[in-house]
């Protein structure tokens, strides 16, 4: 059974979907079940993928990695999203863009950020209050 905001990927064609309404069925693409993407929360290795959340003048800046993530044709952050209570905003990126996004956010709203790397998958950073 799917859950709200889960991200699934087709390992045949590369389609990615995020669940916006839950049901009982299995997500299928290209005749095969889609893979549930696991949210990783800790960097390992040289490249850094965990989103960093920074409040700035009533806005939230999210950048990927302590050192900026590469944004090359073969390896880049496809999107960054910010979950604010029952609201979600997403910024799609392309090679050459900076690996960051800025969002408006109501003060005191519980939030978390996610980023998707085309090679290394889905990454998440929680902020206050911790989930």
N, C-alpha and C. Protein backbone atom coordinates (compact mmCIF):
# COMPACT_ATOMS: atom_id res chain seq x y z
N UNK A 1 0.84 -1.18 0.00
CA UNK A 1 0.00 0.00 0.00
C UNK A 1 0.88 1.24 0.00
N UNK A 2 0.54 2.20 -0.81
CA UNK A 2 1.33 3.43 -0.90
C UNK A 2 1.01 4.37 0.26
N UNK A 3 1.96 5.28 0.53
CA UNK A 3 1.78 6.31 1.54
C UNK A 3 2.01 7.67 0.92
N UNK A 4 1.35 8.68 1.45
CA UNK A 4 1.47 10.04 0.97
C UNK A 4 2.94 10.48 0.91
N UNK A 5 3.35 11.08 -0.19
CA UNK A 5 4.68 11.64 -0.43
C UNK A 5 5.78 10.61 -0.70
N UNK A 6 5.44 9.33 -0.80
CA UNK A 6 6.46 8.37 -1.20
C UNK A 6 6.85 8.65 -2.65
N UNK A 7 8.10 8.36 -2.99
CA UNK A 7 8.61 8.56 -4.34
C UNK A 7 8.95 7.19 -4.91
N UNK A 8 8.46 6.93 -6.14
CA UNK A 8 8.70 5.66 -6.83
C UNK A 8 9.38 5.92 -8.16
N UNK A 9 10.24 4.97 -8.59
CA UNK A 9 10.95 5.09 -9.86
C UNK A 9 10.77 3.83 -10.68
N UNK A 10 10.59 4.02 -11.98
CA UNK A 10 10.55 2.89 -12.91
C UNK A 10 11.98 2.58 -13.32
N UNK A 11 12.41 1.35 -13.09
CA UNK A 11 13.77 0.95 -13.43
C UNK A 11 13.94 0.60 -14.91
N UNK A 12 12.85 0.70 -15.69
CA UNK A 12 12.93 0.46 -17.12
C UNK A 12 13.10 1.78 -17.87
N UNK A 13 12.15 2.73 -17.67
CA UNK A 13 12.17 3.97 -18.44
C UNK A 13 12.65 5.18 -17.65
N UNK A 14 12.73 5.05 -16.31
CA UNK A 14 13.20 6.15 -15.49
C UNK A 14 12.13 7.10 -14.98
N UNK A 15 10.84 6.84 -15.31
CA UNK A 15 9.77 7.69 -14.77
C UNK A 15 9.85 7.73 -13.25
N UNK A 16 9.57 8.91 -12.67
CA UNK A 16 9.53 9.07 -11.22
C UNK A 16 8.18 9.67 -10.87
N UNK A 17 7.53 9.10 -9.85
CA UNK A 17 6.24 9.63 -9.39
C UNK A 17 6.27 9.81 -7.88
N UNK A 18 5.52 10.81 -7.42
CA UNK A 18 5.34 11.02 -5.98
C UNK A 18 3.87 10.82 -5.67
N UNK A 19 3.57 10.09 -4.62
CA UNK A 19 2.20 9.78 -4.25
C UNK A 19 1.52 11.03 -3.68
N UNK A 20 0.43 11.45 -4.32
CA UNK A 20 -0.33 12.59 -3.82
C UNK A 20 -1.71 12.17 -3.31
N UNK A 21 -2.07 10.93 -3.58
CA UNK A 21 -3.31 10.35 -3.06
C UNK A 21 -3.06 8.86 -2.88
N UNK A 22 -3.36 8.34 -1.71
CA UNK A 22 -3.05 6.93 -1.44
C UNK A 22 -4.18 6.02 -1.90
N UNK A 23 -3.78 4.82 -2.27
CA UNK A 23 -4.72 3.79 -2.69
C UNK A 23 -4.20 2.44 -2.26
N UNK A 24 -4.82 1.40 -2.75
CA UNK A 24 -4.42 0.04 -2.37
C UNK A 24 -3.60 -0.66 -3.44
N UNK A 25 -3.58 -0.12 -4.62
CA UNK A 25 -2.91 -0.79 -5.72
C UNK A 25 -1.41 -0.63 -5.70
N UNK A 26 -0.76 -1.38 -6.56
CA UNK A 26 0.69 -1.32 -6.71
C UNK A 26 1.00 -0.41 -7.90
N UNK A 27 2.01 0.44 -7.76
CA UNK A 27 2.40 1.31 -8.86
C UNK A 27 3.21 0.50 -9.86
N UNK A 28 2.79 0.56 -11.12
CA UNK A 28 3.40 -0.23 -12.19
C UNK A 28 3.71 0.70 -13.36
N UNK A 29 4.88 0.52 -13.96
CA UNK A 29 5.26 1.26 -15.16
C UNK A 29 6.02 0.29 -16.07
N UNK A 30 5.84 0.40 -17.36
CA UNK A 30 6.51 -0.48 -18.33
C UNK A 30 6.28 -1.96 -18.01
N UNK A 31 5.11 -2.25 -17.43
CA UNK A 31 4.75 -3.63 -17.12
C UNK A 31 5.41 -4.21 -15.89
N UNK A 32 6.16 -3.38 -15.12
CA UNK A 32 6.85 -3.88 -13.93
C UNK A 32 6.54 -2.98 -12.73
N UNK A 33 6.57 -3.57 -11.51
CA UNK A 33 6.36 -2.75 -10.31
C UNK A 33 7.44 -1.66 -10.20
N UNK A 34 7.02 -0.48 -9.78
CA UNK A 34 7.96 0.61 -9.59
C UNK A 34 8.69 0.43 -8.26
N UNK A 35 9.91 0.94 -8.18
CA UNK A 35 10.74 0.82 -6.98
C UNK A 35 10.48 1.99 -6.04
N UNK A 36 10.19 1.68 -4.77
CA UNK A 36 10.06 2.72 -3.75
C UNK A 36 11.44 3.27 -3.44
N UNK A 37 11.62 4.58 -3.58
CA UNK A 37 12.90 5.21 -3.30
C UNK A 37 13.03 5.42 -1.78
N UNK A 38 14.14 4.98 -1.22
CA UNK A 38 14.41 5.14 0.19
C UNK A 38 15.01 6.51 0.43
N UNK A 39 14.51 7.22 1.44
CA UNK A 39 15.06 8.53 1.80
C UNK A 39 16.33 8.32 2.61
N UNK A 40 17.47 8.69 2.04
CA UNK A 40 18.75 8.58 2.75
C UNK A 40 18.98 9.87 3.53
N UNK A 41 19.55 9.73 4.73
CA UNK A 41 19.72 10.90 5.60
C UNK A 41 21.16 11.16 6.01
N UNK A 42 22.08 10.27 5.66
CA UNK A 42 23.48 10.46 6.04
C UNK A 42 24.38 10.27 4.83
N UNK A 43 25.27 11.24 4.62
CA UNK A 43 26.22 11.16 3.52
C UNK A 43 27.30 10.13 3.83
N UNK A 44 27.69 9.41 2.80
CA UNK A 44 28.85 8.52 2.86
C UNK A 44 29.64 8.76 1.59
N UNK A 45 30.92 8.72 1.68
CA UNK A 45 31.75 8.98 0.50
C UNK A 45 32.06 10.45 0.34
N UNK A 46 32.66 10.79 -0.79
CA UNK A 46 33.13 12.15 -1.01
C UNK A 46 32.02 13.12 -1.37
N UNK A 47 31.07 12.70 -2.19
CA UNK A 47 30.01 13.61 -2.61
C UNK A 47 28.97 13.74 -1.53
N UNK A 48 28.47 14.95 -1.37
CA UNK A 48 27.50 15.24 -0.33
C UNK A 48 26.13 15.48 -0.96
N UNK A 49 25.12 14.82 -0.42
CA UNK A 49 23.78 14.87 -0.98
C UNK A 49 22.71 15.35 -0.01
N UNK A 50 22.96 15.30 1.29
CA UNK A 50 21.93 15.66 2.25
C UNK A 50 21.60 17.14 2.11
N UNK A 51 20.31 17.48 1.95
CA UNK A 51 19.93 18.89 1.86
C UNK A 51 20.26 19.63 3.16
N UNK A 52 20.66 20.88 3.02
CA UNK A 52 20.95 21.75 4.16
C UNK A 52 19.89 22.84 4.18
N UNK A 53 19.21 22.99 5.32
CA UNK A 53 18.11 23.94 5.46
C UNK A 53 18.61 25.17 6.21
N UNK A 54 18.43 26.34 5.60
CA UNK A 54 18.87 27.59 6.22
C UNK A 54 17.74 28.62 6.20
N UNK A 55 17.24 29.04 7.38
CA UNK A 55 16.27 30.14 7.40
C UNK A 55 16.97 31.45 7.03
N UNK A 56 16.32 32.26 6.17
CA UNK A 56 16.90 33.54 5.73
C UNK A 56 15.80 34.57 5.51
N UNK A 57 15.70 35.54 6.41
CA UNK A 57 14.78 36.67 6.22
C UNK A 57 13.36 36.24 5.85
N UNK A 58 12.78 35.33 6.61
CA UNK A 58 11.42 34.88 6.36
C UNK A 58 11.29 33.86 5.25
N UNK A 59 12.40 33.44 4.69
CA UNK A 59 12.40 32.42 3.64
C UNK A 59 13.27 31.26 4.10
N UNK A 60 13.18 30.17 3.38
CA UNK A 60 14.01 28.99 3.65
C UNK A 60 14.85 28.72 2.41
N UNK A 61 16.16 28.71 2.59
CA UNK A 61 17.07 28.33 1.51
C UNK A 61 17.48 26.88 1.76
N UNK A 62 17.37 26.06 0.73
CA UNK A 62 17.81 24.67 0.80
C UNK A 62 18.90 24.49 -0.24
N UNK A 63 20.08 24.09 0.20
CA UNK A 63 21.14 23.77 -0.76
C UNK A 63 21.59 22.34 -0.49
N UNK A 64 22.15 21.72 -1.52
CA UNK A 64 22.48 20.30 -1.43
C UNK A 64 23.97 20.13 -1.18
N UNK A 65 24.26 19.54 -0.02
CA UNK A 65 25.63 19.23 0.37
C UNK A 65 26.32 20.34 1.12
N UNK A 66 27.20 19.94 2.06
CA UNK A 66 28.04 20.91 2.76
C UNK A 66 28.94 21.62 1.76
N UNK A 67 29.44 20.87 0.79
CA UNK A 67 30.15 21.39 -0.38
C UNK A 67 29.15 21.26 -1.52
N UNK A 68 28.96 22.30 -2.36
CA UNK A 68 27.93 22.21 -3.40
C UNK A 68 28.04 20.95 -4.26
N UNK A 69 26.90 20.32 -4.45
CA UNK A 69 26.81 19.10 -5.26
C UNK A 69 27.12 19.43 -6.72
N UNK A 70 27.79 18.52 -7.46
CA UNK A 70 28.03 18.76 -8.89
C UNK A 70 26.71 18.94 -9.64
N UNK A 71 26.74 19.77 -10.66
CA UNK A 71 25.56 19.98 -11.50
C UNK A 71 25.97 19.84 -12.97
N UNK A 72 26.44 18.62 -13.29
CA UNK A 72 26.94 18.30 -14.62
C UNK A 72 25.90 17.44 -15.36
N UNK A 73 26.02 17.36 -16.66
CA UNK A 73 25.07 16.57 -17.48
C UNK A 73 24.91 15.14 -16.95
N UNK A 74 26.00 14.52 -16.54
CA UNK A 74 25.96 13.12 -16.12
C UNK A 74 25.61 12.95 -14.64
N UNK A 75 25.65 14.02 -13.85
CA UNK A 75 25.44 13.90 -12.40
C UNK A 75 24.96 15.24 -11.86
N UNK A 76 23.68 15.26 -11.45
CA UNK A 76 23.13 16.52 -10.95
C UNK A 76 21.91 16.28 -10.06
N UNK A 77 21.52 17.33 -9.35
CA UNK A 77 20.30 17.30 -8.54
C UNK A 77 19.14 17.67 -9.47
N UNK A 78 18.17 16.77 -9.59
CA UNK A 78 17.03 17.01 -10.48
C UNK A 78 16.00 17.94 -9.84
N UNK A 79 15.77 17.77 -8.52
CA UNK A 79 14.81 18.64 -7.86
C UNK A 79 15.06 18.70 -6.36
N UNK A 80 14.59 19.79 -5.78
CA UNK A 80 14.63 20.01 -4.34
C UNK A 80 13.20 20.35 -3.93
N UNK A 81 12.73 19.77 -2.85
CA UNK A 81 11.40 20.12 -2.38
C UNK A 81 11.41 20.38 -0.89
N UNK A 82 10.49 21.24 -0.45
CA UNK A 82 10.35 21.58 0.95
C UNK A 82 8.94 21.21 1.38
N UNK A 83 8.84 20.38 2.42
CA UNK A 83 7.55 19.98 3.00
C UNK A 83 7.31 20.84 4.22
N UNK A 84 6.19 21.58 4.21
CA UNK A 84 5.84 22.50 5.29
C UNK A 84 4.45 22.14 5.80
N UNK A 85 4.39 21.30 6.81
CA UNK A 85 3.09 20.84 7.28
C UNK A 85 2.38 20.10 6.15
N UNK A 86 1.20 20.61 5.72
CA UNK A 86 0.46 19.94 4.65
C UNK A 86 0.73 20.56 3.27
N UNK A 87 1.76 21.40 3.18
CA UNK A 87 2.12 22.07 1.94
C UNK A 87 3.47 21.56 1.43
N UNK A 88 3.60 21.39 0.11
CA UNK A 88 4.86 20.96 -0.50
C UNK A 88 5.17 21.89 -1.67
N UNK A 89 6.41 22.36 -1.72
CA UNK A 89 6.88 23.15 -2.87
C UNK A 89 8.11 22.47 -3.43
N UNK A 90 8.24 22.49 -4.76
CA UNK A 90 9.35 21.81 -5.42
C UNK A 90 9.97 22.73 -6.47
N UNK A 91 11.29 22.69 -6.56
CA UNK A 91 12.02 23.43 -7.59
C UNK A 91 12.77 22.41 -8.44
N UNK A 92 12.51 22.40 -9.74
CA UNK A 92 13.22 21.51 -10.65
C UNK A 92 14.49 22.21 -11.12
N UNK A 93 15.58 21.46 -11.19
CA UNK A 93 16.88 21.99 -11.58
C UNK A 93 17.39 21.27 -12.81
N UNK A 94 18.40 21.87 -13.43
CA UNK A 94 19.03 21.24 -14.59
C UNK A 94 20.54 21.43 -14.48
N UNK A 95 21.32 20.66 -15.25
CA UNK A 95 22.77 20.84 -15.20
C UNK A 95 23.15 22.31 -15.43
N UNK A 96 24.12 22.77 -14.63
CA UNK A 96 24.56 24.16 -14.72
C UNK A 96 23.90 25.07 -13.70
N UNK A 97 22.71 24.69 -13.20
CA UNK A 97 22.04 25.47 -12.15
C UNK A 97 22.78 25.29 -10.84
N UNK A 98 22.69 26.26 -9.92
CA UNK A 98 23.22 26.00 -8.59
C UNK A 98 22.34 24.96 -7.89
N UNK A 99 22.92 24.08 -7.06
CA UNK A 99 22.13 23.04 -6.38
C UNK A 99 21.42 23.61 -5.15
N UNK A 100 20.49 24.56 -5.38
CA UNK A 100 19.80 25.22 -4.27
C UNK A 100 18.45 25.73 -4.73
N UNK A 101 17.59 26.00 -3.74
CA UNK A 101 16.27 26.58 -3.99
C UNK A 101 15.88 27.40 -2.77
N UNK A 102 15.09 28.44 -2.98
CA UNK A 102 14.58 29.27 -1.89
C UNK A 102 13.06 29.22 -1.90
N UNK A 103 12.47 29.04 -0.71
CA UNK A 103 11.03 28.90 -0.57
C UNK A 103 10.51 29.88 0.48
N UNK A 104 9.27 30.34 0.31
CA UNK A 104 8.59 31.08 1.36
C UNK A 104 8.02 30.05 2.32
N UNK A 105 8.08 30.34 3.61
CA UNK A 105 7.63 29.35 4.60
C UNK A 105 6.98 30.06 5.77
N UNK A 106 5.78 29.63 6.18
CA UNK A 106 5.15 30.22 7.36
C UNK A 106 6.01 29.99 8.60
N UNK A 107 6.13 31.00 9.44
CA UNK A 107 6.94 30.91 10.65
C UNK A 107 6.43 29.81 11.57
N UNK A 108 7.36 29.00 12.09
CA UNK A 108 7.03 27.96 13.07
C UNK A 108 6.46 26.69 12.48
N UNK A 109 6.40 26.58 11.18
CA UNK A 109 5.85 25.39 10.55
C UNK A 109 6.87 24.26 10.61
N UNK A 110 6.46 23.06 11.06
CA UNK A 110 7.38 21.92 11.00
C UNK A 110 7.72 21.65 9.53
N UNK A 111 8.99 21.38 9.25
CA UNK A 111 9.34 21.18 7.86
C UNK A 111 10.49 20.21 7.70
N UNK A 112 10.61 19.71 6.47
CA UNK A 112 11.77 18.91 6.08
C UNK A 112 12.01 19.12 4.59
N UNK A 113 13.23 18.86 4.14
CA UNK A 113 13.59 19.05 2.74
C UNK A 113 14.04 17.71 2.16
N UNK A 114 13.78 17.56 0.85
CA UNK A 114 14.26 16.40 0.12
C UNK A 114 14.91 16.87 -1.18
N UNK A 115 15.89 16.11 -1.64
CA UNK A 115 16.54 16.37 -2.91
C UNK A 115 16.72 15.05 -3.63
N UNK A 116 16.65 15.10 -4.97
CA UNK A 116 16.80 13.90 -5.77
C UNK A 116 17.99 14.05 -6.71
N UNK A 117 18.98 13.17 -6.54
CA UNK A 117 20.17 13.11 -7.40
C UNK A 117 19.92 12.06 -8.49
N UNK A 118 20.22 12.42 -9.74
CA UNK A 118 19.94 11.49 -10.84
C UNK A 118 20.75 10.19 -10.73
N UNK A 119 21.87 10.19 -10.00
CA UNK A 119 22.66 8.96 -9.83
C UNK A 119 22.48 8.29 -8.48
N UNK A 120 22.28 9.07 -7.43
CA UNK A 120 22.31 8.53 -6.07
C UNK A 120 20.99 8.58 -5.33
N UNK A 121 19.91 8.95 -6.01
CA UNK A 121 18.58 8.82 -5.44
C UNK A 121 18.12 9.95 -4.53
N UNK A 122 17.25 9.56 -3.58
CA UNK A 122 16.49 10.50 -2.76
C UNK A 122 17.15 10.73 -1.41
N UNK A 123 17.26 12.01 -1.02
CA UNK A 123 17.91 12.41 0.23
C UNK A 123 16.99 13.32 1.01
N UNK A 124 17.07 13.24 2.35
CA UNK A 124 16.16 14.00 3.21
C UNK A 124 16.91 14.61 4.40
N UNK A 125 16.47 15.80 4.78
CA UNK A 125 16.97 16.46 5.99
C UNK A 125 15.77 16.95 6.78
N UNK A 126 15.67 16.51 8.02
CA UNK A 126 14.62 16.99 8.92
C UNK A 126 15.11 18.23 9.63
N UNK A 127 14.18 19.04 10.07
CA UNK A 127 14.50 20.18 10.90
C UNK A 127 13.49 20.23 12.04
N UNK A 128 13.54 21.22 12.86
CA UNK A 128 12.68 21.29 14.04
C UNK A 128 11.22 21.34 13.63
N UNK A 129 10.31 20.61 14.34
CA UNK A 129 10.67 19.53 15.25
C UNK A 129 11.08 18.29 14.48
N UNK A 130 12.04 17.55 15.03
CA UNK A 130 12.53 16.33 14.38
C UNK A 130 11.39 15.34 14.23
N UNK A 131 11.40 14.62 13.11
CA UNK A 131 10.40 13.58 12.88
C UNK A 131 10.92 12.25 13.35
